[in-house]
C-alpha atoms as a PDB file:
ATOM      1  CA  MET A   1      70.032 113.914 267.599  1.00  0.00           C
ATOM      2  CA  SER A   2      73.710 113.630 268.447  1.00  0.00           C
ATOM      3  CA  PRO A   3      75.064 116.489 270.440  1.00  0.00           C
ATOM      4  CA  HIS A   4      77.531 118.965 268.869  1.00  0.00           C
ATOM      5  CA  THR A   5      81.196 118.369 269.370  1.00  0.00           C
ATOM      6  CA  ASN A   6      83.857 120.569 270.927  1.00  0.00           C
ATOM      7  CA  GLU A   7      87.140 119.177 269.733  1.00  0.00           C
ATOM      8  CA  ASN A   8      89.376 121.068 272.109  1.00  0.00           C
ATOM      9  CA  ARG A   9      87.367 119.851 275.089  1.00  0.00           C
ATOM     10  CA  ASP A  10      86.365 116.451 273.724  1.00  0.00           C
ATOM     11  CA  GLN A  11      89.975 115.300 273.465  1.00  0.00           C
ATOM     12  CA  PHE A  12      89.604 114.694 277.318  1.00  0.00           C
ATOM     13  CA  ARG A  13      86.475 112.601 276.850  1.00  0.00           C
ATOM     14  CA  PRO A  14      86.956 108.961 278.143  1.00  0.00           C
ATOM     15  CA  GLU A  15      86.777 106.358 275.419  1.00  0.00           C
ATOM     16  CA  GLU A  16      84.191 104.356 277.249  1.00  0.00           C
ATOM     17  CA  HIS A  17      82.030 107.316 278.158  1.00  0.00           C
ATOM     18  CA  ALA A  18      78.426 106.073 278.736  1.00  0.00           C
ATOM     19  CA  HIS A  19      76.453 108.969 277.324  1.00  0.00           C
ATOM     20  CA  ASP A  20      76.190 110.854 274.059  1.00  0.00           C
ATOM     21  CA  HIS A  21      76.519 114.153 275.886  1.00  0.00           C
ATOM     22  CA  PHE A  22      79.684 114.922 277.738  1.00  0.00           C
ATOM     23  CA  LEU A  23      80.172 117.375 280.691  1.00  0.00           C
ATOM     24  CA  LEU A  24      83.855 117.329 281.500  1.00  0.00           C
ATOM     25  CA  THR A  25      84.525 117.114 285.261  1.00  0.00           C
ATOM     26  CA  THR A  26      87.640 118.433 286.860  1.00  0.00           C
ATOM     27  CA  VAL A  27      88.961 120.452 289.793  1.00  0.00           C
ATOM     28  CA  VAL A  28      90.451 123.978 290.036  1.00  0.00           C
ATOM     29  CA  GLY A  29      93.671 122.682 291.656  1.00  0.00           C
ATOM     30  CA  SER A  30      94.383 122.560 295.354  1.00  0.00           C
ATOM     31  CA  TYR A  31      93.285 119.733 297.707  1.00  0.00           C
ATOM     32  CA  PRO A  32      93.670 119.136 301.417  1.00  0.00           C
ATOM     33  CA  LYS A  33      97.135 117.833 302.239  1.00  0.00           C
ATOM     34  CA  PRO A  34      97.224 114.544 304.261  1.00  0.00           C
ATOM     35  CA  LYS A  35      98.058 115.314 307.894  1.00  0.00           C
ATOM     36  CA  TRP A  36     101.124 113.068 307.687  1.00  0.00           C
ATOM     37  CA  LEU A  37     102.522 115.197 304.843  1.00  0.00           C
ATOM     38  CA  ASN A  38     102.369 118.309 307.098  1.00  0.00           C
ATOM     39  CA  ARG A  39     104.135 116.244 309.859  1.00  0.00           C
ATOM     40  CA  ALA A  40     106.787 115.199 307.303  1.00  0.00           C
ATOM     41  CA  LYS A  41     107.451 118.844 306.422  1.00  0.00           C
ATOM     42  CA  ASP A  42     107.938 119.729 310.091  1.00  0.00           C
ATOM     43  CA  LEU A  43     110.387 116.802 310.536  1.00  0.00           C
ATOM     44  CA  TYR A  44     112.298 117.861 307.365  1.00  0.00           C
ATOM     45  CA  GLN A  45     112.519 121.481 308.586  1.00  0.00           C
ATOM     46  CA  ASP A  46     113.768 120.426 312.021  1.00  0.00           C
ATOM     47  CA  PRO A  47     117.583 120.564 312.030  1.00  0.00           C
ATOM     48  CA  ASP A  48     117.740 118.197 315.005  1.00  0.00           C
ATOM     49  CA  HIS A  49     115.842 115.470 313.172  1.00  0.00           C
ATOM     50  CA  GLY A  50     117.287 112.958 310.759  1.00  0.00           C
ATOM     51  CA  PHE A  51     114.429 113.273 308.274  1.00  0.00           C
ATOM     52  CA  ASP A  52     116.323 114.283 305.184  1.00  0.00           C
ATOM     53  CA  GLU A  53     115.563 115.660 301.698  1.00  0.00           C
ATOM     54  CA  ASP A  54     115.193 112.164 300.237  1.00  0.00           C
ATOM     55  CA  ASP A  55     112.677 111.241 302.913  1.00  0.00           C
ATOM     56  CA  TYR A  56     110.732 114.406 302.372  1.00  0.00           C
ATOM     57  CA  GLN A  57     110.719 113.928 298.580  1.00  0.00           C
ATOM     58  CA  GLU A  58     109.359 110.363 299.053  1.00  0.00           C
ATOM     59  CA  ALA A  59     106.568 111.770 301.195  1.00  0.00           C
ATOM     60  CA  LEU A  60     105.705 114.412 298.541  1.00  0.00           C
ATOM     61  CA  ASP A  61     105.638 111.701 295.875  1.00  0.00           C
ATOM     62  CA  ASP A  62     103.516 109.424 298.056  1.00  0.00           C
ATOM     63  CA  ALA A  63     101.069 112.317 298.620  1.00  0.00           C
ATOM     64  CA  ALA A  64     100.873 113.280 294.954  1.00  0.00           C
ATOM     65  CA  ARG A  65     100.124 109.633 293.978  1.00  0.00           C
ATOM     66  CA  LEU A  66      97.472 109.307 296.688  1.00  0.00           C
ATOM     67  CA  ILE A  67      95.556 112.468 295.825  1.00  0.00           C
ATOM     68  CA  THR A  68      95.784 111.832 292.079  1.00  0.00           C
ATOM     69  CA  ASN A  69      94.222 108.443 292.882  1.00  0.00           C
ATOM     70  CA  GLU A  70      91.608 110.060 295.081  1.00  0.00           C
ATOM     71  CA  HIS A  71      90.608 112.218 292.065  1.00  0.00           C
ATOM     72  CA  GLU A  72      90.375 109.044 289.945  1.00  0.00           C
ATOM     73  CA  ARG A  73      88.242 107.315 292.625  1.00  0.00           C
ATOM     74  CA  ALA A  74      85.834 110.265 292.581  1.00  0.00           C
ATOM     75  CA  GLY A  75      85.510 109.745 288.841  1.00  0.00           C
ATOM     76  CA  LEU A  76      87.012 112.989 287.517  1.00  0.00           C
ATOM     77  CA  ASP A  77      87.702 113.169 283.794  1.00  0.00           C
ATOM     78  CA  VAL A  78      90.693 115.354 284.259  1.00  0.00           C
ATOM     79  CA  VAL A  79      92.893 115.134 287.386  1.00  0.00           C
ATOM     80  CA  VAL A  80      95.384 117.229 289.276  1.00  0.00           C
ATOM     81  CA  ASP A  81      97.812 116.002 292.005  1.00  0.00           C
ATOM     82  CA  GLY A  82      96.039 118.464 294.477  1.00  0.00           C
ATOM     83  CA  GLU A  83      99.161 120.738 294.392  1.00  0.00           C
ATOM     84  CA  MET A  84     100.813 118.479 296.955  1.00  0.00           C
ATOM     85  CA  ARG A  85     104.226 119.984 296.254  1.00  0.00           C
ATOM     86  CA  ARG A  86     103.058 123.584 296.447  1.00  0.00           C
ATOM     87  CA  ASN A  87     102.682 125.876 299.426  1.00  0.00           C
ATOM     88  CA  GLU A  88     101.191 129.228 298.609  1.00  0.00           C
ATOM     89  CA  MET A  89     100.279 130.081 295.046  1.00  0.00           C
ATOM     90  CA  VAL A  90     102.607 133.082 294.674  1.00  0.00           C
ATOM     91  CA  GLU A  91     105.438 132.046 296.983  1.00  0.00           C
ATOM     92  CA  PHE A  92     105.863 128.658 295.218  1.00  0.00           C
ATOM     93  CA  PHE A  93     106.622 130.363 291.863  1.00  0.00           C
ATOM     94  CA  ALA A  94     108.510 133.328 293.334  1.00  0.00           C
ATOM     95  CA  HIS A  95     111.042 130.825 294.751  1.00  0.00           C
ATOM     96  CA  ARG A  96     111.599 129.554 291.244  1.00  0.00           C
ATOM     97  CA  ILE A  97     111.933 132.800 289.358  1.00  0.00           C
ATOM     98  CA  ASP A  98     115.140 134.772 289.318  1.00  0.00           C
ATOM     99  CA  GLY A  99     114.593 138.370 290.413  1.00  0.00           C
ATOM    100  CA  TYR A 100     112.413 137.605 293.485  1.00  0.00           C
ATOM    101  CA  GLU A 101     113.582 137.508 297.015  1.00  0.00           C
ATOM    102  CA  PHE A 102     111.910 137.081 300.438  1.00  0.00           C
ATOM    103  CA  ASN A 103     112.167 139.263 303.433  1.00  0.00           C
ATOM    104  CA  GLY A 104     109.801 137.600 305.951  1.00  0.00           C
ATOM    105  CA  PRO A 105     106.096 137.250 306.384  1.00  0.00           C
ATOM    106  CA  VAL A 106     103.567 140.085 306.028  1.00  0.00           C
ATOM    107  CA  LYS A 107     100.325 140.213 307.977  1.00  0.00           C
ATOM    108  CA  VAL A 108      97.397 140.164 305.555  1.00  0.00           C
ATOM    109  CA  TRP A 109      94.319 139.780 307.744  1.00  0.00           C
ATOM    110  CA  GLY A 110      93.464 138.720 311.262  1.00  0.00           C
ATOM    111  CA  HIS A 111      96.279 136.426 312.387  1.00  0.00           C
ATOM    112  CA  ASN A 112      97.131 135.269 308.915  1.00  0.00           C
ATOM    113  CA  TYR A 113     100.589 135.829 307.371  1.00  0.00           C
ATOM    114  CA  PHE A 114     101.757 135.634 303.827  1.00  0.00           C
ATOM    115  CA  ASP A 115     105.424 135.409 302.868  1.00  0.00           C
ATOM    116  CA  LYS A 116     105.054 138.218 300.319  1.00  0.00           C
ATOM    117  CA  PRO A 117     108.024 138.260 297.981  1.00  0.00           C
ATOM    118  CA  SER A 118     109.779 141.316 296.516  1.00  0.00           C
ATOM    119  CA  VAL A 119     110.960 141.782 292.907  1.00  0.00           C
ATOM    120  CA  VAL A 120     114.419 143.167 293.273  1.00  0.00           C
ATOM    121  CA  SER A 121     115.774 142.786 289.769  1.00  0.00           C
ATOM    122  CA  GLU A 122     114.553 141.849 286.273  1.00  0.00           C
ATOM    123  CA  VAL A 123     112.685 138.579 286.416  1.00  0.00           C
ATOM    124  CA  GLN A 124     114.287 135.766 284.417  1.00  0.00           C
ATOM    125  CA  TYR A 125     113.411 132.152 283.491  1.00  0.00           C
ATOM    126  CA  THR A 126     116.006 129.546 284.358  1.00  0.00           C
ATOM    127  CA  ASP A 127     114.833 126.025 285.201  1.00  0.00           C
ATOM    128  CA  SER A 128     111.231 124.672 284.654  1.00  0.00           C
ATOM    129  CA  TRP A 129     108.784 125.162 287.486  1.00  0.00           C
ATOM    130  CA  LEU A 130     106.264 122.401 286.832  1.00  0.00           C
ATOM    131  CA  VAL A 131     107.495 119.907 284.259  1.00  0.00           C
ATOM    132  CA  ASP A 132     108.695 117.423 286.882  1.00  0.00           C
ATOM    133  CA  GLU A 133     105.350 117.780 288.709  1.00  0.00           C
ATOM    134  CA  TYR A 134     103.452 117.205 285.498  1.00  0.00           C
ATOM    135  CA  GLU A 135     105.447 114.217 284.413  1.00  0.00           C
ATOM    136  CA  PHE A 136     105.116 112.509 287.759  1.00  0.00           C
ATOM    137  CA  THR A 137     101.327 113.012 287.846  1.00  0.00           C
ATOM    138  CA  ALA A 138     100.953 111.880 284.221  1.00  0.00           C
ATOM    139  CA  GLU A 139     102.855 108.664 285.128  1.00  0.00           C
ATOM    140  CA  ALA A 140     100.647 108.085 288.142  1.00  0.00           C
ATOM    141  CA  THR A 141      97.406 108.117 286.219  1.00  0.00           C
ATOM    142  CA  ASN A 142      95.885 107.062 282.850  1.00  0.00           C
ATOM    143  CA  ARG A 143      93.574 110.052 282.860  1.00  0.00           C
ATOM    144  CA  PRO A 144      94.334 113.496 281.388  1.00  0.00           C
ATOM    145  CA  VAL A 145      96.194 115.862 283.836  1.00  0.00           C
ATOM    146  CA  LYS A 146      95.472 119.624 284.120  1.00  0.00           C
ATOM    147  CA  VAL A 147      98.284 121.952 285.163  1.00  0.00           C
ATOM    148  CA  PRO A 148      97.370 125.068 287.123  1.00  0.00           C
ATOM    149  CA  ILE A 149      99.802 128.005 286.989  1.00  0.00           C
ATOM    150  CA  THR A 150      99.503 131.266 288.895  1.00  0.00           C
ATOM    151  CA  GLY A 151      99.084 133.969 286.338  1.00  0.00           C
ATOM    152  CA  PRO A 152     101.541 136.828 285.765  1.00  0.00           C
ATOM    153  CA  TYR A 153      99.136 139.523 286.900  1.00  0.00           C
ATOM    154  CA  THR A 154      98.653 137.932 290.243  1.00  0.00           C
ATOM    155  CA  LEU A 155     102.444 137.180 290.538  1.00  0.00           C
ATOM    156  CA  ALA A 156     103.043 140.909 290.000  1.00  0.00           C
ATOM    157  CA  ASN A 157     100.103 142.303 292.065  1.00  0.00           C
ATOM    158  CA  TRP A 158     100.762 140.130 295.094  1.00  0.00           C
ATOM    159  CA  SER A 159     104.441 141.052 295.284  1.00  0.00           C
ATOM    160  CA  PHE A 160     106.414 144.145 296.282  1.00  0.00           C
ATOM    161  CA  ASN A 161     107.781 145.807 293.117  1.00  0.00           C
ATOM    162  CA  GLU A 162     111.234 147.281 293.721  1.00  0.00           C
ATOM    163  CA  ALA A 163     112.712 146.885 290.268  1.00  0.00           C
ATOM    164  CA  TYR A 164     110.144 147.771 287.566  1.00  0.00           C
ATOM    165  CA  GLU A 165     108.676 151.203 286.501  1.00  0.00           C
ATOM    166  CA  ASP A 166     105.272 149.851 287.360  1.00  0.00           C
ATOM    167  CA  GLU A 167     103.287 146.633 287.956  1.00  0.00           C
ATOM    168  CA  GLU A 168     102.130 146.482 284.311  1.00  0.00           C
ATOM    169  CA  ALA A 169     105.707 146.193 283.025  1.00  0.00           C
ATOM    170  CA  LEU A 170     106.471 143.591 285.608  1.00  0.00           C
ATOM    171  CA  ALA A 171     103.371 141.596 284.669  1.00  0.00           C
ATOM    172  CA  TYR A 172     104.321 141.543 281.028  1.00  0.00           C
ATOM    173  CA  ASP A 173     107.802 140.228 281.755  1.00  0.00           C
ATOM    174  CA  LEU A 174     106.246 137.574 283.934  1.00  0.00           C
ATOM    175  CA  ALA A 175     103.811 136.704 281.133  1.00  0.00           C
ATOM    176  CA  ASP A 176     106.812 135.918 278.794  1.00  0.00           C
ATOM    177  CA  LEU A 177     108.233 133.612 281.507  1.00  0.00           C
ATOM    178  CA  VAL A 178     104.845 131.814 281.882  1.00  0.00           C
ATOM    179  CA  ASN A 179     104.936 131.347 278.089  1.00  0.00           C
ATOM    180  CA  GLU A 180     108.330 129.701 278.317  1.00  0.00           C
ATOM    181  CA  GLU A 181     107.057 127.418 281.013  1.00  0.00           C
ATOM    182  CA  ILE A 182     104.033 126.349 278.973  1.00  0.00           C
ATOM    183  CA  GLU A 183     106.128 125.647 276.075  1.00  0.00           C
ATOM    184  CA  LYS A 184     108.208 123.224 278.182  1.00  0.00           C
ATOM    185  CA  LEU A 185     104.955 121.633 279.532  1.00  0.00           C
ATOM    186  CA  VAL A 186     103.634 121.159 276.061  1.00  0.00           C
ATOM    187  CA  GLU A 187     106.866 119.487 275.013  1.00  0.00           C
ATOM    188  CA  ALA A 188     106.415 117.164 278.020  1.00  0.00           C
ATOM    189  CA  GLY A 189     102.919 116.267 276.828  1.00  0.00           C
ATOM    190  CA  ALA A 190     100.578 118.635 278.727  1.00  0.00           C
ATOM    191  CA  ARG A 191      97.435 119.528 276.890  1.00  0.00           C
ATOM    192  CA  TYR A 192      95.303 121.353 279.577  1.00  0.00           C
ATOM    193  CA  ILE A 193      96.792 124.500 281.287  1.00  0.00           C
ATOM    194  CA  GLN A 194      94.884 126.610 283.703  1.00  0.00           C
ATOM    195  CA  ILE A 195      96.046 130.201 284.454  1.00  0.00           C
ATOM    196  CA  ASP A 196      94.973 131.340 287.936  1.00  0.00           C
ATOM    197  CA  GLU A 197      94.308 135.095 288.299  1.00  0.00           C
ATOM    198  CA  PRO A 198      92.607 135.678 291.594  1.00  0.00           C
ATOM    199  CA  ALA A 199      93.926 139.186 291.692  1.00  0.00           C
ATOM    200  CA  LEU A 200      91.739 140.154 288.785  1.00  0.00           C
ATOM    201  CA  ALA A 201      88.596 139.753 290.932  1.00  0.00           C
ATOM    202  CA  THR A 202      89.973 142.455 293.329  1.00  0.00           C
ATOM    203  CA  THR A 203      91.208 144.814 290.712  1.00  0.00           C
ATOM    204  CA  PRO A 204      88.820 144.304 287.788  1.00  0.00           C
ATOM    205  CA  ASP A 205      89.714 147.680 286.088  1.00  0.00           C
ATOM    206  CA  ASP A 206      93.032 146.042 285.114  1.00  0.00           C
ATOM    207  CA  HIS A 207      91.396 143.507 282.733  1.00  0.00           C
ATOM    208  CA  ALA A 208      93.150 145.029 279.742  1.00  0.00           C
ATOM    209  CA  ILE A 209      96.535 144.225 281.408  1.00  0.00           C
ATOM    210  CA  VAL A 210      95.434 140.648 282.053  1.00  0.00           C
ATOM    211  CA  GLY A 211      94.308 140.408 278.439  1.00  0.00           C
ATOM    212  CA  GLU A 212      97.702 141.518 277.145  1.00  0.00           C
ATOM    213  CA  CYS A 213      99.436 139.141 279.537  1.00  0.00           C
ATOM    214  CA  LEU A 214      97.335 136.253 278.075  1.00  0.00           C
ATOM    215  CA  LYS A 215      98.242 137.199 274.541  1.00  0.00           C
ATOM    216  CA  ARG A 216     101.889 136.859 275.520  1.00  0.00           C
ATOM    217  CA  ILE A 217     101.261 133.602 277.357  1.00  0.00           C
ATOM    218  CA  VAL A 218      99.577 131.829 274.402  1.00  0.00           C
ATOM    219  CA  LYS A 219     102.041 133.029 271.784  1.00  0.00           C
ATOM    220  CA  ASP A 220     103.145 129.965 269.655  1.00  0.00           C
ATOM    221  CA  ILE A 221     101.239 127.605 271.813  1.00  0.00           C
ATOM    222  CA  PRO A 222      99.505 124.913 269.624  1.00  0.00           C
ATOM    223  CA  GLU A 223      95.678 125.281 269.193  1.00  0.00           C
ATOM    224  CA  GLU A 224      95.028 121.804 270.564  1.00  0.00           C
ATOM    225  CA  VAL A 225      96.512 122.885 273.923  1.00  0.00           C
ATOM    226  CA  ARG A 226      93.474 123.901 276.111  1.00  0.00           C
ATOM    227  CA  ILE A 227      94.039 127.181 277.979  1.00  0.00           C
ATOM    228  CA  GLY A 228      91.660 128.065 280.819  1.00  0.00           C
ATOM    229  CA  LEU A 229      91.491 131.188 283.033  1.00  0.00           C
ATOM    230  CA  HIS A 230      90.287 130.872 286.646  1.00  0.00           C
ATOM    231  CA  VAL A 231      89.068 134.035 288.230  1.00  0.00           C
ATOM    232  CA  CYS A 232      87.896 133.941 291.853  1.00  0.00           C
ATOM    233  CA  TYR A 233      84.686 135.422 293.248  1.00  0.00           C
ATOM    234  CA  GLY A 234      84.152 139.118 292.578  1.00  0.00           C
ATOM    235  CA  ASP A 235      81.975 141.592 290.673  1.00  0.00           C
ATOM    236  CA  TYR A 236      82.023 139.911 287.246  1.00  0.00           C
ATOM    237  CA  SER A 237      79.953 142.618 285.621  1.00  0.00           C
ATOM    238  CA  ARG A 238      83.110 144.816 285.815  1.00  0.00           C
ATOM    239  CA  ILE A 239      85.051 142.401 283.525  1.00  0.00           C
ATOM    240  CA  TYR A 240      82.248 141.016 281.346  1.00  0.00           C
ATOM    241  CA  PRO A 241      81.944 141.034 278.326  1.00  0.00           C
ATOM    242  CA  GLU A 242      85.518 142.365 277.930  1.00  0.00           C
ATOM    243  CA  ILE A 243      86.971 139.053 279.002  1.00  0.00           C
ATOM    244  CA  LEU A 244      85.456 137.357 275.934  1.00  0.00           C
ATOM    245  CA  GLU A 245      88.293 138.930 273.995  1.00  0.00           C
ATOM    246  CA  PHE A 246      90.885 137.067 276.061  1.00  0.00           C
ATOM    247  CA  PRO A 247      92.738 134.409 273.960  1.00  0.00           C
ATOM    248  CA  VAL A 248      91.622 131.422 276.176  1.00  0.00           C
ATOM    249  CA  ASP A 249      89.346 128.438 275.604  1.00  0.00           C
ATOM    250  CA  GLU A 250      87.479 128.486 278.909  1.00  0.00           C
ATOM    251  CA  PHE A 251      86.668 130.677 281.920  1.00  0.00           C
ATOM    252  CA  ASP A 252      86.520 129.043 285.288  1.00  0.00           C
ATOM    253  CA  LEU A 253      84.186 131.091 287.452  1.00  0.00           C
ATOM    254  CA  GLU A 254      83.239 130.974 291.123  1.00  0.00           C
ATOM    255  CA  LEU A 255      79.407 131.207 291.069  1.00  0.00           C
ATOM    256  CA  ALA A 256      78.084 128.671 293.704  1.00  0.00           C
ATOM    257  CA  ASN A 257      79.462 130.759 296.566  1.00  0.00           C
ATOM    258  CA  GLY A 258      77.229 133.682 295.521  1.00  0.00           C
ATOM    259  CA  ASP A 259      74.267 131.360 294.972  1.00  0.00           C
ATOM    260  CA  TYR A 260      74.418 132.231 291.256  1.00  0.00           C
ATOM    261  CA  GLU A 261      73.216 135.723 291.810  1.00  0.00           C
ATOM    262  CA  GLN A 262      75.543 136.902 288.996  1.00  0.00           C
ATOM    263  CA  LEU A 263      74.362 134.407 286.437  1.00  0.00           C
ATOM    264  CA  ASP A 264      72.539 136.898 284.394  1.00  0.00           C
ATOM    265  CA  VAL A 265      75.775 138.909 283.894  1.00  0.00           C
ATOM    266  CA  PHE A 266      76.833 136.236 281.307  1.00  0.00           C
ATOM    267  CA  LYS A 267      73.625 136.057 279.332  1.00  0.00           C
ATOM    268  CA  ASP A 268      73.900 139.320 277.478  1.00  0.00           C
ATOM    269  CA  PRO A 269      75.915 139.389 275.348  1.00  0.00           C
ATOM    270  CA  GLU A 270      76.217 135.722 274.504  1.00  0.00           C
ATOM    271  CA  PHE A 271      78.911 133.749 276.364  1.00  0.00           C
ATOM    272  CA  THR A 272      80.980 132.611 273.405  1.00  0.00           C
ATOM    273  CA  LYS A 273      83.783 130.732 275.266  1.00  0.00           C
ATOM    274  CA  ASP A 274      83.525 127.501 277.272  1.00  0.00           C
ATOM    275  CA  LEU A 275      82.305 127.838 280.788  1.00  0.00           C
ATOM    276  CA  ALA A 276      83.917 125.977 283.686  1.00  0.00           C
ATOM    277  CA  LEU A 277      81.174 126.375 286.262  1.00  0.00           C
ATOM    278  CA  GLY A 278      81.694 126.162 289.951  1.00  0.00           C
ATOM    279  CA  VAL A 279      78.930 123.800 291.178  1.00  0.00           C
ATOM    280  CA  THR A 280      80.091 123.123 294.734  1.00  0.00           C
ATOM    281  CA  ASP A 281      80.837 125.866 297.272  1.00  0.00           C
ATOM    282  CA  VAL A 282      84.306 125.459 298.661  1.00  0.00           C
ATOM    283  CA  HIS A 283      83.527 127.804 301.475  1.00  0.00           C
ATOM    284  CA  VAL A 284      81.031 125.444 303.046  1.00  0.00           C
ATOM    285  CA  ALA A 285      82.296 122.377 304.894  1.00  0.00           C
ATOM    286  CA  GLU A 286      79.236 120.342 304.046  1.00  0.00           C
ATOM    287  CA  VAL A 287      78.789 117.994 300.980  1.00  0.00           C
ATOM    288  CA  GLU A 288      76.048 119.175 298.717  1.00  0.00           C
ATOM    289  CA  SER A 289      73.615 116.508 297.628  1.00  0.00           C
ATOM    290  CA  VAL A 290      73.761 115.086 294.081  1.00  0.00           C
ATOM    291  CA  GLU A 291      70.338 116.618 293.483  1.00  0.00           C
ATOM    292  CA  GLN A 292      71.546 120.070 294.425  1.00  0.00           C
ATOM    293  CA  ILE A 293      74.606 119.927 292.303  1.00  0.00           C
ATOM    294  CA  GLU A 294      72.434 118.854 289.387  1.00  0.00           C
ATOM    295  CA  ARG A 295      70.390 121.962 289.855  1.00  0.00           C
ATOM    296  CA  ASN A 296      73.601 123.939 289.924  1.00  0.00           C
ATOM    297  CA  ILE A 297      74.779 122.367 286.657  1.00  0.00           C
ATOM    298  CA  GLU A 298      71.438 123.302 285.069  1.00  0.00           C
ATOM    299  CA  LYS A 299      72.272 126.909 285.937  1.00  0.00           C
ATOM    300  CA  GLY A 300      75.274 126.657 283.594  1.00  0.00           C
ATOM    301  CA  LEU A 301      73.017 125.351 280.847  1.00  0.00           C
ATOM    302  CA  GLU A 302      71.179 128.749 281.048  1.00  0.00           C
ATOM    303  CA  ILE A 303      74.447 130.372 279.833  1.00  0.00           C
ATOM    304  CA  VAL A 304      75.952 127.852 277.426  1.00  0.00           C
ATOM    305  CA  PRO A 305      74.906 124.697 275.577  1.00  0.00           C
ATOM    306  CA  PRO A 306      76.246 121.360 277.020  1.00  0.00           C
ATOM    307  CA  GLU A 307      79.200 121.182 274.599  1.00  0.00           C
ATOM    308  CA  GLN A 308      80.581 124.437 276.169  1.00  0.00           C
ATOM    309  CA  LEU A 309      80.145 123.411 279.770  1.00  0.00           C
ATOM    310  CA  ILE A 310      82.835 122.107 282.207  1.00  0.00           C
ATOM    311  CA  VAL A 311      81.908 121.155 285.797  1.00  0.00           C
ATOM    312  CA  SER A 312      84.160 121.805 288.740  1.00  0.00           C
ATOM    313  CA  PRO A 313      84.205 123.131 292.325  1.00  0.00           C
ATOM    314  CA  ASP A 314      84.143 126.845 292.776  1.00  0.00           C
ATOM    315  CA  CYS A 315      87.795 127.066 293.632  1.00  0.00           C
ATOM    316  CA  GLY A 316      90.576 125.096 295.238  1.00  0.00           C
ATOM    317  CA  VAL A 317      89.401 122.895 298.127  1.00  0.00           C
ATOM    318  CA  LYS A 318      92.510 122.867 300.267  1.00  0.00           C
ATOM    319  CA  LEU A 319      90.928 124.412 303.258  1.00  0.00           C
ATOM    320  CA  LEU A 320      88.202 121.792 303.526  1.00  0.00           C
ATOM    321  CA  PRO A 321      88.301 118.631 305.614  1.00  0.00           C
ATOM    322  CA  ARG A 322      89.583 115.964 303.221  1.00  0.00           C
ATOM    323  CA  GLU A 323      86.542 113.672 303.494  1.00  0.00           C
ATOM    324  CA  VAL A 324      84.335 116.731 302.647  1.00  0.00           C
ATOM    325  CA  ALA A 325      86.462 117.622 299.637  1.00  0.00           C
ATOM    326  CA  TYR A 326      86.295 114.049 298.328  1.00  0.00           C
ATOM    327  CA  GLY A 327      82.482 113.900 298.968  1.00  0.00           C
ATOM    328  CA  LYS A 328      81.967 117.115 296.953  1.00  0.00           C
ATOM    329  CA  MET A 329      83.914 115.739 294.040  1.00  0.00           C
ATOM    330  CA  ALA A 330      82.275 112.326 293.995  1.00  0.00           C
ATOM    331  CA  ASN A 331      78.776 113.912 294.156  1.00  0.00           C
ATOM    332  CA  MET A 332      79.732 116.383 291.478  1.00  0.00           C
ATOM    333  CA  VAL A 333      80.708 113.643 289.100  1.00  0.00           C
ATOM    334  CA  GLU A 334      77.576 111.642 289.803  1.00  0.00           C
ATOM    335  CA  ALA A 335      75.455 114.822 289.224  1.00  0.00           C
ATOM    336  CA  ALA A 336      77.197 115.502 285.915  1.00  0.00           C
ATOM    337  CA  ARG A 337      76.593 111.963 284.702  1.00  0.00           C
ATOM    338  CA  ASN A 338      72.917 112.208 285.673  1.00  0.00           C
ATOM    339  CA  VAL A 339      72.576 115.448 283.780  1.00  0.00           C
ATOM    340  CA  GLU A 340      74.223 113.953 280.696  1.00  0.00           C
ATOM    341  CA  LYS A 341      71.673 111.089 280.755  1.00  0.00           C
ATOM    342  CA  ARG A 342      68.788 113.562 281.068  1.00  0.00           C
ATOM    343  CA  LEU A 343      70.141 115.540 278.165  1.00  0.00           C
ATOM    344  CA  ASP A 344      70.442 112.262 276.115  1.00  0.00           C
ATOM    345  CA  ASP A 345      66.799 111.513 277.022  1.00  0.00           C
ATOM    346  CA  GLY A 346      65.719 114.915 275.957  1.00  0.00           C
ATOM    347  CA  GLU A 347      64.453 115.776 279.436  1.00  0.00           C
ATOM    348  CA  LEU A 348      66.298 119.136 279.555  1.00  0.00           C
ATOM    349  CA  GLU A 349      65.698 122.075 277.335  1.00  0.00           C
ATOM    350  CA  VAL A 350      68.999 123.708 276.544  1.00  0.00           C
ATOM    351  CA  ARG A 351      70.381 126.497 274.441  1.00  0.00           C
ATOM    352  CA  SER A 352      71.548 125.517 270.941  1.00  0.00           C
ATOM    353  CA  ALA A 353      75.216 125.886 270.141  1.00  0.00           C
ATOM    354  CA  GLN A 354      76.269 129.469 269.174  1.00  0.00           C
ATOM    355  CA  ALA A 355      78.049 130.153 265.992  1.00  0.00           C
ATOM    356  CA  THR A 356      81.574 131.461 266.551  1.00  0.00           C
ATOM    357  CA  ALA A 357      83.797 133.623 264.437  1.00  0.00           C
ATOM    358  CA  ASP A 358      85.558 130.581 263.171  1.00  0.00           C
ATOM    359  CA  ASP A 359      82.395 128.845 261.945  1.00  0.00           C
END
């Protein structure tokens, strides 16, 4: 029997896909930067060196092509440029939003510092943040490209608020700006957008605020554009099942790091959205075997049927050694293809597709 289809997800299925079943493979976003790119940045920031803006831009372009190609070589169905042009996930966007300013690094833990921005006036959208990045990546590959965007709740929560009555009001204004940016990305051809909200894991009681932000974000966005939400490791029982009401197509969850101890959280009530399951642990600098990743993928099939499953690392892999990051991706893709074949051959018992409100 042919597997069910999932049109929003299957638009990213390769034309020559070898199996009837399809487990979309992708990454959350970040990837280790080549050491020479960090060196290029140092030279660019050195006023006594002749390494100018054009030189640095060429280095960024080369790195983006290289990592996009590395994702292709690993076999990923949907690629990202590894966020080669980005530094920190809030700082990058704050530099591009009117109303933010920077007053120097803030110590966050140990010897780690974060250049935490302040919102000093009403936030406003001027120029696009990511369209150039998306268009460059799309030109560098013949595979679909996913665009990760830091979500408005995290942009508000991880900033000093000196202009708004409260963080909630700031988050809603930022959500309207994210909506404008996604409209620009859609015009440029983007069809897969991921909203990153790591702050939700640390403040789960604010899930209603995140839900309202997402409603503003997806306003007037075409249905064929896939919207995902990435939430880092936390106590998911505090946001489930409420998050099923969020207007997104998929949830990207960090479960490998906790050895899937929270898997049962998502079994009751039924998980009605698509699940982007973390199947490699980005906190461990060792490459999991293909067999181990296959077992991890099977964990996802305990929650959703195959047509609702996406396979990815737990989170961004930027802190791993580059060869480890690549090994995890390549093994992940091989494991997904092996599981697809076993599904085709009827070797795996899986849940049947659930009826949705639209059926």
